Amino acid sequence: MKTSNLPDDIQFTGDERLWLSGFLAGYDTGSTSGTAVATREDILARALTALRELDTTTDAPEILHAHTATSSTEAPGTASARKPKRSPWTRKNPYGATLVANRPLRGADSRKDVRHVVFDLGDSDIDYEAGDGLGIKPVNDPDLVAAIIERIGADPDEMITTRAGESTLIDLLTHEYEISLPTRELINHMADHSGDAELVHILSTEEREALEGWLWGKDVLDLLDLEPTLRISAAELIDLLRPLTHRVYSISSSPLTHRGMVHLTVAAVRHRSAQRDRRGQCSTFLADRISAGGTAGVFLSKNKSFRLPTDDSTPVIMIGPGTGVAPFRSFLYERKARGATGRNWLFYGDHHRATDFMYEDEIVQFQRDGILTRVDLAFSRDQDHKIYVQDRMREHGDELLRWLSGGAHLYVCGDASQMAKDVDAALHDVVAEHGGLDADAAEDYVNTLKREKRYLRDVY
């Protein structure tokens, strides 16, 4: 993959190249639906204009000159003590943000589809911080909506009365109710009326893990199809569903660098099972069903337990394979804008370097500029034996413990089911082996990191 998304014949300082690269990362020549946005030359011209404006206006945001990130009254090496505004936008009252860009982050031969998604926050006054998340209210997959309506033999325009008033069935199933995650009420209803032996047995055991395993990948249509001849009215079905819930994505931009915009790193979930194509409810809404210029309901999801150190001289260790790199892109832009002097170490990994190294151009530029002190990569499928970020931690355990002993903060973001557990086990091993501690003492050391808020995780 290219290590820069800028033309080779244009000369910039490293600082300017990094900002322009981040600007271009938010744009693509078109959306997945084929709607043209702009040519690359148009976008580059727009970026250059923005760069010139930032360099000449007196109230330019803290993008090009790190010393403007803090006021003259602050102590050197400390983060700004600004208090973000309280946002009026909530999950019940989301802001209609305009989609600016939707760009694939991986090569054409990658097995995964991950998008760099950019929203314009407009006049929302949404004031996020590095480490926060953005809540998105999705729109349900129209193919699944149509299949459910066909299954129950209803009229899409049938009017249904709910607590919120009257709406058509198709509008309720598209915008208001959850159809990818069956409720316990629907599960019990289908167990009672379908007589499905496996489901009835699982419910009788009252084993939560068994039920979750059985439900994995199943949506409302799957439950209804347990008994294809079972009749259920549109109103009855709506009563058995829950309101549509939001999804939260880690923000991958910095408010100091990407003022008025918010960036997300979204993995589009797609798979096939039971002879049906399955699509992630919110991820494919963002990837496939909203074009540039369209809007989505968004709101700030604050994450006060995942913040950079207030002392900018503090070293930071970031472990984020795959889309787990999202908040660390935010952290690095933030540290650069603040003029932070603390060292930064990134552990990143995925399947193949050639196709799956997301934000490679920016990471390389951060290294060149001295923002990233160290990067350790783990591309698991590029050799005969799989290598993961936890393996790189063990390989460099002596240095890792030196950073921690020197006051470094350790951050982990990504998959909770396996990666986070493996990273935690590797951390304990590193502390024990290189600190000369037994298992109990290593556990105490790690617990101390947690108590001091120096070992923070954002896992899902």
Protein backbone atom coordinates (compact mmCIF):
# COMPACT_ATOMS: atom_id res chain seq x y z
CA MET A 1 0.00 0.00 0.00
CA LYS A 2 1.12 3.61 -0.57
CA THR A 3 2.68 5.26 2.42
CA SER A 4 1.33 8.66 1.41
CA ASN A 5 -1.91 9.86 -0.16
CA LEU A 6 -0.28 13.11 -1.34
CA PRO A 7 1.22 13.71 -4.80
CA ASP A 8 5.00 13.20 -4.83
CA ASP A 9 5.62 16.44 -6.70
CA ILE A 10 4.18 18.73 -3.99
CA GLN A 11 6.55 19.87 -1.25
CA PHE A 12 5.32 20.39 2.30
CA THR A 13 6.79 20.38 5.74
CA GLY A 14 6.16 17.20 7.70
CA ASP A 15 3.50 19.00 9.75
CA GLU A 16 1.70 20.18 6.61
CA ARG A 17 1.92 16.74 4.96
CA LEU A 18 0.38 15.10 8.04
CA TRP A 19 -2.54 17.53 8.16
CA LEU A 20 -3.20 17.30 4.43
CA SER A 21 -3.01 13.49 4.58
CA GLY A 22 -5.59 13.49 7.37
CA PHE A 23 -7.79 15.87 5.36
CA LEU A 24 -7.67 13.63 2.28
CA ALA A 25 -8.35 10.55 4.41
CA GLY A 26 -11.85 11.89 4.86
CA TYR A 27 -12.71 11.90 1.17
CA ASP A 28 -13.18 9.51 -1.69
CA THR A 29 -14.02 9.92 -5.36
CA GLY A 30 -17.47 8.49 -4.77
CA SER A 31 -19.70 6.57 -2.42
CA THR A 32 -20.45 2.88 -2.66
CA SER A 33 -23.74 3.68 -4.30
CA GLY A 34 -21.92 5.30 -7.20
CA THR A 35 -22.80 8.89 -6.31
CA ALA A 36 -19.83 11.05 -7.33
CA VAL A 37 -18.49 13.41 -4.68
CA ALA A 38 -15.50 15.08 -6.31
CA THR A 39 -12.32 14.25 -8.15
CA ARG A 40 -9.15 13.76 -6.17
CA GLU A 41 -7.75 16.94 -7.75
CA ASP A 42 -10.78 18.91 -6.55
CA ILE A 43 -10.36 17.56 -3.03
CA LEU A 44 -6.62 18.33 -3.00
CA ALA A 45 -7.34 21.88 -4.16
CA ARG A 46 -9.91 22.22 -1.37
CA ALA A 47 -7.37 20.90 1.14
CA LEU A 48 -4.71 23.34 -0.02
CA THR A 49 -7.16 26.22 0.28
CA ALA A 50 -8.02 25.13 3.83
CA LEU A 51 -4.32 24.89 4.65
CA ARG A 52 -3.66 28.42 3.41
CA GLU A 53 -6.63 29.74 5.39
CA LEU A 54 -5.39 28.06 8.55
CA ASP A 55 -1.97 29.62 8.07
CA THR A 56 -3.28 33.17 7.61
CA THR A 57 -6.38 33.59 9.79
CA THR A 58 -5.91 34.86 13.32
CA ASP A 59 -8.38 32.42 14.84
CA ALA A 60 -7.12 29.31 13.03
CA PRO A 61 -7.61 26.10 14.99
CA GLU A 62 -4.64 24.29 16.51
CA ILE A 63 -3.65 22.29 13.45
CA LEU A 64 -0.37 23.63 12.11
CA HIS A 65 1.22 25.22 15.16
CA ALA A 66 1.32 23.07 18.26
CA HIS A 67 1.99 25.99 20.61
CA THR A 68 -1.56 27.27 20.05
CA ALA A 69 -3.04 24.14 21.61
CA THR A 70 -2.63 25.53 25.13
CA SER A 71 -3.04 29.01 26.50
CA SER A 72 -0.15 31.09 27.76
CA THR A 73 -1.42 30.81 31.33
CA GLU A 74 -1.15 27.01 31.47
CA ALA A 75 1.79 25.24 33.00
CA PRO A 76 4.20 23.84 30.40
CA GLY A 77 3.58 20.23 29.48
CA THR A 78 -0.01 20.09 30.70
CA ALA A 79 -3.16 19.64 28.67
CA SER A 80 -5.71 22.38 28.33
CA ALA A 81 -8.21 22.49 31.18
CA ARG A 82 -11.06 23.48 28.87
CA LYS A 83 -14.45 22.13 29.85
CA PRO A 84 -16.42 20.73 26.89
CA LYS A 85 -19.92 22.06 26.46
CA ARG A 86 -22.83 19.88 27.45
CA SER A 87 -24.36 18.65 24.24
CA PRO A 88 -28.13 19.04 23.78
CA TRP A 89 -28.15 16.00 21.47
CA THR A 90 -28.94 12.59 22.96
CA ARG A 91 -29.93 9.12 21.83
CA LYS A 92 -33.56 10.24 22.06
CA ASN A 93 -32.83 13.50 20.28
CA PRO A 94 -29.90 12.92 17.88
CA TYR A 95 -28.40 15.57 15.64
CA GLY A 96 -28.76 15.14 11.88
CA ALA A 97 -25.09 15.20 10.85
CA THR A 98 -24.16 15.36 7.18
CA LEU A 99 -21.96 12.61 5.76
CA VAL A 100 -18.92 14.21 4.13
CA ALA A 101 -16.94 11.13 3.17
CA ASN A 102 -16.89 7.36 3.10
CA ARG A 103 -13.53 5.93 2.03
CA PRO A 104 -12.37 2.29 1.98
CA LEU A 105 -9.34 1.86 4.24
CA ARG A 106 -8.16 -1.48 2.91
CA GLY A 107 -6.81 -2.81 -0.35
CA ALA A 108 -9.10 -4.35 -2.95
CA ASP A 109 -7.88 -7.86 -2.09
CA SER A 110 -8.60 -7.57 1.63
CA ARG A 111 -11.14 -9.96 3.14
CA LYS A 112 -12.53 -7.13 5.23
CA ASP A 113 -14.35 -3.91 4.36
CA VAL A 114 -13.43 -1.08 6.71
CA ARG A 115 -14.43 2.53 6.03
CA HIS A 116 -13.12 5.90 7.08
CA VAL A 117 -16.37 7.79 7.66
CA VAL A 118 -16.51 11.56 8.18
CA PHE A 119 -19.47 13.60 9.44
CA ASP A 120 -19.79 17.38 9.45
CA LEU A 121 -21.02 18.43 12.89
CA GLY A 122 -22.40 21.69 11.50
CA ASP A 123 -24.11 23.87 14.10
CA SER A 124 -24.55 21.04 16.60
CA ASP A 125 -22.03 22.39 19.15
CA ILE A 126 -21.03 18.77 19.78
CA ASP A 127 -17.76 19.19 21.67
CA TYR A 128 -15.98 15.86 21.85
CA GLU A 129 -12.61 14.90 23.30
CA ALA A 130 -10.03 12.34 22.24
CA GLY A 131 -11.23 9.00 23.60
CA ASP A 132 -14.96 9.69 23.21
CA GLY A 133 -17.37 7.75 21.03
CA LEU A 134 -20.10 8.81 18.63
CA GLY A 135 -23.55 7.29 18.91
CA ILE A 136 -25.28 6.56 15.61
CA LYS A 137 -28.97 5.86 15.14
CA PRO A 138 -29.06 3.39 12.25
CA VAL A 139 -31.69 2.83 9.58
CA ASN A 140 -32.66 -0.82 9.20
CA ASP A 141 -31.77 -2.85 6.13
CA PRO A 142 -34.65 -2.38 3.64
CA ASP A 143 -34.24 -5.95 2.36
CA LEU A 144 -34.76 -7.36 5.86
CA VAL A 145 -37.70 -5.01 6.45
CA ALA A 146 -39.34 -6.20 3.21
CA ALA A 147 -38.72 -9.86 4.06
CA ILE A 148 -40.35 -9.52 7.50
CA ILE A 149 -43.40 -7.75 6.05
CA GLU A 150 -43.73 -10.47 3.41
CA ARG A 151 -43.35 -13.20 6.03
CA ILE A 152 -46.28 -11.90 8.12
CA GLY A 153 -48.34 -11.13 5.00
CA ALA A 154 -48.95 -7.49 5.97
CA ASP A 155 -49.48 -4.30 4.01
CA PRO A 156 -46.36 -2.09 4.29
CA ASP A 157 -48.60 0.98 4.57
CA GLU A 158 -50.77 -0.45 7.35
CA MET A 159 -51.14 2.13 10.11
CA ILE A 160 -49.98 0.98 13.55
CA THR A 161 -50.66 2.82 16.79
CA THR A 162 -47.78 2.96 19.29
CA ARG A 163 -47.03 5.10 22.33
CA ALA A 164 -45.45 7.65 20.01
CA GLY A 165 -48.54 7.88 17.81
CA GLU A 166 -49.53 6.45 14.45
CA SER A 167 -47.06 5.33 11.78
CA THR A 168 -46.97 2.95 8.87
CA LEU A 169 -45.63 -0.54 9.42
CA ILE A 170 -42.77 0.00 6.98
CA ASP A 171 -41.72 3.22 8.70
CA LEU A 172 -41.75 1.58 12.13
CA LEU A 173 -39.69 -1.39 10.96
CA THR A 174 -37.26 0.84 9.06
CA HIS A 175 -36.68 3.62 11.55
CA GLU A 176 -38.13 2.85 14.97
CA TYR A 177 -37.83 -0.82 15.97
CA GLU A 178 -34.99 -3.29 16.38
CA ILE A 179 -35.19 -6.15 13.89
CA SER A 180 -31.65 -7.52 13.99
CA LEU A 181 -31.73 -8.47 17.68
CA PRO A 182 -34.79 -10.49 18.81
CA THR A 183 -36.29 -9.62 22.17
CA ARG A 184 -36.87 -12.12 24.95
CA GLU A 185 -40.60 -11.52 24.42
CA LEU A 186 -40.37 -12.63 20.80
CA ILE A 187 -38.20 -15.60 21.77
CA ASN A 188 -40.73 -16.76 24.36
CA HIS A 189 -43.62 -16.18 21.94
CA MET A 190 -42.00 -18.32 19.26
CA ALA A 191 -41.03 -21.03 21.75
CA ASP A 192 -44.65 -21.23 22.91
CA HIS A 193 -46.14 -21.26 19.41
CA SER A 194 -43.56 -23.07 17.31
CA GLY A 195 -42.72 -25.94 19.59
CA ASP A 196 -39.11 -25.78 18.38
CA ALA A 197 -37.50 -28.52 20.49
CA GLU A 198 -34.01 -26.97 20.64
CA LEU A 199 -35.28 -23.56 21.68
CA VAL A 200 -37.71 -24.97 24.23
CA HIS A 201 -34.91 -27.05 25.77
CA ILE A 202 -32.48 -24.12 25.97
CA LEU A 203 -35.10 -21.93 27.66
CA SER A 204 -35.88 -24.68 30.15
CA THR A 205 -32.21 -24.84 31.24
CA GLU A 206 -32.14 -21.10 31.94
CA GLU A 207 -28.50 -21.09 30.81
CA ARG A 208 -27.71 -17.63 29.50
CA GLU A 209 -24.63 -18.66 27.53
CA ALA A 210 -26.53 -21.43 25.78
CA LEU A 211 -29.28 -19.02 24.73
CA GLU A 212 -26.75 -16.44 23.54
CA GLY A 213 -24.98 -19.11 21.51
CA TRP A 214 -28.24 -20.23 19.92
CA LEU A 215 -29.22 -16.61 19.14
CA TRP A 216 -25.86 -15.66 17.61
CA GLY A 217 -26.44 -14.30 14.11
CA LYS A 218 -30.23 -14.72 14.29
CA ASP A 219 -32.59 -11.82 13.60
CA VAL A 220 -36.35 -11.32 13.87
CA LEU A 221 -37.00 -13.08 10.56
CA ASP A 222 -35.10 -16.17 11.76
CA LEU A 223 -37.34 -16.35 14.83
CA LEU A 224 -40.50 -15.97 12.76
CA ASP A 225 -39.31 -18.70 10.40
CA LEU A 226 -39.14 -21.23 13.21
CA GLU A 227 -42.78 -21.84 12.36
CA PRO A 228 -43.49 -20.61 8.80
CA THR A 229 -47.23 -21.28 9.10
CA LEU A 230 -47.65 -19.27 12.30
CA ARG A 231 -49.80 -16.19 11.73
CA ILE A 232 -48.98 -12.97 13.54
CA SER A 233 -50.45 -9.54 12.93
CA ALA A 234 -48.35 -6.45 12.31
CA ALA A 235 -49.51 -4.90 15.59
CA GLU A 236 -48.69 -8.08 17.52
CA LEU A 237 -45.21 -8.17 16.04
CA ILE A 238 -44.50 -4.54 16.91
CA ASP A 239 -45.56 -5.24 20.51
CA LEU A 240 -42.90 -7.98 20.65
CA LEU A 241 -40.06 -5.72 19.44
CA ARG A 242 -37.92 -3.17 21.26
CA PRO A 243 -37.17 0.38 20.10
CA LEU A 244 -34.27 0.70 17.68
CA THR A 245 -31.05 1.10 19.64
CA HIS A 246 -28.04 3.19 18.73
CA ARG A 247 -24.51 1.92 18.09
CA VAL A 248 -21.40 3.66 19.39
CA TYR A 249 -18.13 3.95 17.45
CA SER A 250 -14.80 5.17 18.82
CA ILE A 251 -13.95 8.56 17.38
CA SER A 252 -10.75 8.51 15.31
CA SER A 253 -10.26 12.27 14.92
CA SER A 254 -9.04 15.03 17.21
CA PRO A 255 -11.17 18.14 17.83
CA LEU A 256 -7.97 20.20 17.80
CA THR A 257 -7.03 19.00 14.32
CA HIS A 258 -10.34 18.19 12.64
CA ARG A 259 -12.45 21.05 13.95
CA GLY A 260 -16.15 20.79 13.11
CA MET A 261 -15.75 17.23 11.85
CA VAL A 262 -15.82 13.80 13.41
CA HIS A 263 -14.09 10.74 11.93
CA LEU A 264 -15.05 7.09 12.51
CA THR A 265 -13.36 3.82 11.57
CA VAL A 266 -16.17 1.40 10.72
CA ALA A 267 -15.86 -2.31 9.88
CA ALA A 268 -18.79 -3.35 7.70
CA VAL A 269 -20.14 -6.65 9.03
CA ARG A 270 -21.24 -9.09 6.34
CA HIS A 271 -21.62 -12.85 6.38
CA ARG A 272 -23.85 -15.61 5.04
CA SER A 273 -25.69 -18.19 7.12
CA ALA A 274 -28.86 -20.25 6.80
CA GLN A 275 -28.92 -19.45 3.06
CA ARG A 276 -29.26 -15.72 3.70
CA ASP A 277 -26.84 -12.81 3.38
CA ARG A 278 -26.48 -11.08 6.74
CA ARG A 279 -25.44 -7.46 7.16
CA GLY A 280 -24.49 -5.50 10.26
CA GLN A 281 -27.33 -3.16 11.06
CA CYS A 282 -25.40 0.05 11.62
CA SER A 283 -22.09 -0.75 9.95
CA THR A 284 -23.64 -1.43 6.54
CA PHE A 285 -25.98 1.52 6.98
CA LEU A 286 -22.85 3.67 7.16
CA ALA A 287 -20.95 1.74 4.50
CA ASP A 288 -23.67 1.10 1.93
CA ARG A 289 -26.90 2.96 2.52
CA ILE A 290 -25.96 6.56 3.20
CA SER A 291 -24.31 8.63 0.49
CA ALA A 292 -22.25 11.81 0.74
CA GLY A 293 -24.62 14.65 1.54
CA GLY A 294 -27.02 12.36 3.38
CA THR A 295 -27.66 12.63 7.10
CA ALA A 296 -27.58 10.32 10.09
CA GLY A 297 -28.75 10.87 13.66
CA VAL A 298 -25.69 11.24 15.91
CA PHE A 299 -24.91 12.18 19.50
CA LEU A 300 -21.85 12.29 21.72
CA SER A 301 -21.05 9.26 23.85
CA LYS A 302 -18.49 10.48 26.37
CA ASN A 303 -15.85 8.09 27.64
CA LYS A 304 -14.26 9.75 30.65
CA SER A 305 -12.44 6.54 31.56
CA PHE A 306 -10.39 6.58 28.34
CA ARG A 307 -8.52 9.87 28.38
CA LEU A 308 -4.97 10.89 27.58
CA PRO A 309 -2.80 11.89 30.54
CA THR A 310 -3.20 15.53 31.55
CA ASP A 311 0.59 15.76 31.80
CA ASP A 312 1.79 15.90 28.18
CA SER A 313 5.24 14.66 29.16
CA THR A 314 3.80 11.28 30.19
CA PRO A 315 4.70 8.35 27.89
CA VAL A 316 1.77 6.55 26.24
CA ILE A 317 1.54 2.94 25.06
CA MET A 318 -1.35 2.14 22.69
CA ILE A 319 -2.45 -1.39 21.73
CA GLY A 320 -5.10 -1.42 19.02
CA PRO A 321 -5.22 -4.08 16.31
CA GLY A 322 -7.75 -3.72 13.48
CA THR A 323 -10.36 -1.06 14.07
CA GLY A 324 -9.02 -0.80 17.62
CA VAL A 325 -6.56 1.72 16.18
CA ALA A 326 -9.38 4.29 15.87
CA PRO A 327 -9.00 6.15 19.19
CA PHE A 328 -5.22 6.04 18.89
CA ARG A 329 -5.35 7.95 15.61
CA SER A 330 -7.28 10.51 17.65
CA PHE A 331 -4.69 10.36 20.43
CA LEU A 332 -1.77 10.93 18.06
CA TYR A 333 -3.35 13.92 16.35
CA GLU A 334 -4.26 15.27 19.78
CA ARG A 335 -0.74 14.81 21.20
CA LYS A 336 0.75 16.50 18.14
CA ALA A 337 -1.65 19.46 18.34
CA ARG A 338 -0.93 19.86 22.06
CA GLY A 339 2.81 19.77 21.52
CA ALA A 340 3.06 16.84 23.92
CA THR A 341 6.65 15.85 24.68
CA GLY A 342 5.83 12.40 26.05
CA ARG A 343 6.90 9.38 24.03
CA ASN A 344 4.26 7.36 22.12
CA TRP A 345 4.41 3.63 21.35
CA LEU A 346 1.84 1.93 19.10
CA PHE A 347 1.17 -1.80 18.76
CA TYR A 348 -0.93 -2.42 15.66
CA GLY A 349 -1.84 -5.55 13.74
CA ASP A 350 -4.18 -7.18 11.26
CA HIS A 351 -4.12 -9.98 8.68
CA HIS A 352 -1.87 -8.75 5.84
CA ARG A 353 0.33 -5.69 5.63
CA ALA A 354 -0.17 -5.29 1.88
CA THR A 355 -3.97 -4.95 2.14
CA ASP A 356 -4.88 -4.32 5.77
CA PHE A 357 -2.49 -1.66 7.09
CA MET A 358 -5.05 1.06 7.84
CA TYR A 359 -3.84 4.67 8.08
CA GLU A 360 -0.39 3.53 7.00
CA ASP A 361 0.49 6.88 5.41
CA GLU A 362 -0.42 8.78 8.57
CA ILE A 363 1.37 6.36 10.89
CA VAL A 364 4.52 6.63 8.78
CA GLN A 365 4.30 10.43 8.87
CA PHE A 366 3.83 10.41 12.64
CA GLN A 367 7.04 8.38 12.87
CA ARG A 368 8.93 10.76 10.58
CA ASP A 369 7.78 13.71 12.64
CA GLY A 370 8.90 12.08 15.88
CA ILE A 371 5.37 11.90 17.29
CA LEU A 372 5.41 8.11 17.24
CA THR A 373 8.53 7.03 19.08
CA ARG A 374 7.98 3.39 18.28
CA VAL A 375 5.63 1.19 16.24
CA ASP A 376 5.47 -2.59 16.52
CA LEU A 377 3.41 -4.36 13.87
CA ALA A 378 1.83 -7.82 13.89
CA PHE A 379 0.33 -8.99 10.61
CA SER A 380 -0.86 -12.44 11.56
CA ARG A 381 -1.17 -14.05 8.11
CA ASP A 382 2.05 -12.78 6.53
CA GLN A 383 4.07 -15.79 7.75
CA ASP A 384 3.54 -19.49 8.41
CA HIS A 385 2.87 -19.00 12.12
CA LYS A 386 0.42 -16.37 13.26
CA ILE A 387 1.77 -13.35 15.09
CA TYR A 388 -0.45 -11.08 17.17
CA VAL A 389 0.05 -7.87 19.13
CA GLN A 390 0.37 -9.84 22.37
CA ASP A 391 3.32 -11.71 20.82
CA ARG A 392 5.03 -8.39 20.06
CA MET A 393 4.42 -7.34 23.66
CA ARG A 394 6.24 -10.43 24.91
CA GLU A 395 9.07 -9.97 22.37
CA HIS A 396 9.71 -6.48 23.69
CA GLY A 397 8.70 -7.13 27.28
CA ASP A 398 11.84 -5.70 28.84
CA GLU A 399 11.36 -2.34 27.09
CA LEU A 400 7.61 -2.40 27.75
CA LEU A 401 8.19 -2.79 31.49
CA ARG A 402 10.77 0.02 31.43
CA TRP A 403 8.15 2.35 29.93
CA LEU A 404 5.61 1.33 32.55
CA SER A 405 8.13 1.73 35.35
CA GLY A 406 8.82 5.19 33.96
CA GLY A 407 5.19 6.20 34.40
CA ALA A 408 3.73 5.29 31.00
CA HIS A 409 -0.02 4.92 30.57
CA LEU A 410 -1.18 1.77 28.76
CA TYR A 411 -4.30 1.80 26.55
CA VAL A 412 -6.05 -1.13 24.87
CA CYS A 413 -8.87 -0.89 22.32
CA GLY A 414 -10.65 -3.56 20.30
CA ASP A 415 -12.20 -6.98 20.65
CA ALA A 416 -13.18 -7.89 24.20
CA SER A 417 -13.90 -11.57 23.62
CA GLN A 418 -10.35 -12.64 22.78
CA MET A 419 -7.82 -9.89 21.99
CA ALA A 420 -8.25 -7.95 25.23
CA LYS A 421 -7.92 -11.15 27.28
CA ASP A 422 -4.78 -12.19 25.40
CA VAL A 423 -3.23 -8.73 25.80
CA ASP A 424 -4.02 -8.77 29.51
CA ALA A 425 -2.40 -12.20 29.88
CA ALA A 426 0.67 -10.97 27.97
CA LEU A 427 0.91 -7.92 30.24
CA HIS A 428 0.91 -10.16 33.31
CA ASP A 429 3.58 -12.38 31.73
CA VAL A 430 5.77 -9.39 30.86
CA VAL A 431 5.53 -7.97 34.37
CA ALA A 432 6.31 -11.34 35.95
CA GLU A 433 9.20 -12.30 33.65
CA HIS A 434 10.97 -8.96 33.36
CA GLY A 435 10.09 -7.72 36.82
CA GLY A 436 11.19 -10.92 38.54
CA LEU A 437 7.78 -11.34 40.17
CA ASP A 438 5.64 -14.37 40.91
CA ALA A 439 2.06 -14.55 39.61
CA ASP A 440 0.52 -12.92 42.68
CA ALA A 441 2.98 -10.03 42.69
CA ALA A 442 2.47 -9.52 38.95
CA GLU A 443 -1.29 -9.38 39.54
CA ASP A 444 -0.72 -6.74 42.23
CA TYR A 445 1.43 -4.70 39.84
CA VAL A 446 -1.25 -4.74 37.13
CA ASN A 447 -3.97 -3.91 39.67
CA THR A 448 -1.89 -0.92 40.78
CA LEU A 449 -1.78 0.28 37.17
CA LYS A 450 -5.56 0.04 37.08
CA ARG A 451 -6.01 1.90 40.37
CA GLU A 452 -3.72 4.66 39.16
CA LYS A 453 -5.74 4.79 35.90
CA ARG A 454 -2.62 3.91 33.94
CA TYR A 455 -4.11 0.75 32.38
CA LEU A 456 -7.26 1.74 30.51
CA ARG A 457 -9.36 -0.30 28.10
CA ASP A 458 -12.05 0.49 25.55
CA VAL A 459 -13.17 -2.96 24.45
CA TYR A 460 -16.33 -4.25 22.81
